[in-house]
Amino acid sequence: METLRLILTIADVLVCLVLIATVLFQSSKEEGLNSMFGGSAETFFGKDKARSIDAKLAKVTTVAAIIFVALTFVIGII
């Protein structure tokens, strides 16, 4: 039982690190006053590229968060 707990804890830490990394790599969704005064200098194509990367990062973040919560819950029960 201790071996299983150790394996789950290691997996939980790895998923936690993935979750932290994906959150840090995401671009900010808040434009604030910058968008009000025309401060956005991105072209149409640059925006699409960023959106696709941000969409992938958002999906990875969601999956990592679900796995993290499930693993933490299971470790708490064991």
Protein backbone atom coordinates (compact mmCIF):
# COMPACT_ATOMS: atom_id res chain seq x y z
CA MET A 1 0.00 0.00 0.00
CA GLU A 2 2.90 2.34 0.70
CA THR A 3 4.34 1.66 -2.75
CA LEU A 4 1.05 2.62 -4.38
CA ARG A 5 0.90 5.80 -2.28
CA LEU A 6 4.47 6.68 -3.28
CA ILE A 7 3.75 6.14 -6.98
CA LEU A 8 0.57 8.22 -6.79
CA THR A 9 2.38 10.99 -4.91
CA ILE A 10 5.16 11.12 -7.52
CA ALA A 11 2.55 11.22 -10.30
CA ASP A 12 0.69 13.98 -8.42
CA VAL A 13 3.84 16.09 -8.16
CA LEU A 14 4.60 15.63 -11.87
CA VAL A 15 1.05 16.58 -12.85
CA CYS A 16 1.29 19.58 -10.54
CA LEU A 17 4.47 20.73 -12.31
CA VAL A 18 2.79 20.31 -15.71
CA LEU A 19 -0.17 22.33 -14.43
CA ILE A 20 2.08 25.13 -13.19
CA ALA A 21 4.03 25.22 -16.47
CA THR A 22 0.92 25.33 -18.66
CA VAL A 23 -0.60 28.13 -16.63
CA LEU A 24 2.61 30.14 -16.83
CA PHE A 25 2.92 29.66 -20.61
CA GLN A 26 -0.59 30.93 -21.34
CA SER A 27 -0.95 34.48 -22.54
CA SER A 28 -3.03 36.92 -20.57
CA LYS A 29 -6.71 37.12 -21.53
CA GLU A 30 -7.06 40.54 -19.94
CA GLU A 31 -6.30 43.42 -22.24
CA GLY A 32 -7.62 46.15 -19.97
CA LEU A 33 -7.04 49.73 -21.08
CA ASN A 34 -4.54 48.62 -23.70
CA SER A 35 -7.30 47.50 -26.09
CA MET A 36 -9.27 50.67 -25.48
CA PHE A 37 -6.52 52.89 -26.86
CA GLY A 38 -5.50 50.66 -29.80
CA GLY A 39 -2.36 49.25 -28.22
CA SER A 40 -2.72 45.87 -29.87
CA ALA A 41 -0.07 45.54 -32.59
CA GLU A 42 -0.75 41.91 -33.58
CA THR A 43 -1.70 41.06 -37.11
CA PHE A 44 -4.61 38.82 -38.00
CA PHE A 45 -2.36 35.83 -38.68
CA GLY A 46 -0.37 36.32 -35.49
CA LYS A 47 -3.59 36.34 -33.51
CA ASP A 48 -4.78 33.06 -35.02
CA LYS A 49 -1.48 31.39 -34.26
CA ALA A 50 -1.58 32.60 -30.69
CA ARG A 51 -5.17 31.45 -30.31
CA SER A 52 -4.38 27.94 -31.46
CA ILE A 53 -1.45 27.67 -29.05
CA ASP A 54 -3.54 29.18 -26.26
CA ALA A 55 -6.37 26.77 -27.03
CA LYS A 56 -4.02 23.79 -26.79
CA LEU A 57 -2.55 25.10 -23.55
CA ALA A 58 -6.04 25.64 -22.15
CA LYS A 59 -6.98 22.03 -22.95
CA VAL A 60 -3.78 20.70 -21.39
CA THR A 61 -4.39 22.87 -18.33
CA THR A 62 -7.94 21.54 -17.96
CA VAL A 63 -6.87 17.92 -18.28
CA ALA A 64 -3.94 18.39 -15.89
CA ALA A 65 -6.20 20.08 -13.33
CA ILE A 66 -8.74 17.24 -13.46
CA ILE A 67 -6.00 14.62 -13.10
CA PHE A 68 -4.40 16.59 -10.26
CA VAL A 69 -7.65 16.83 -8.32
CA ALA A 70 -8.45 13.14 -8.87
CA LEU A 71 -4.98 12.00 -7.80
CA THR A 72 -5.04 14.23 -4.73
CA PHE A 73 -8.45 12.87 -3.79
CA VAL A 74 -7.28 9.26 -4.20
CA ILE A 75 -4.11 9.91 -2.18
CA GLY A 76 -6.25 11.43 0.59
CA ILE A 77 -8.43 8.33 0.73
CA ILE A 78 -5.51 5.88 0.84
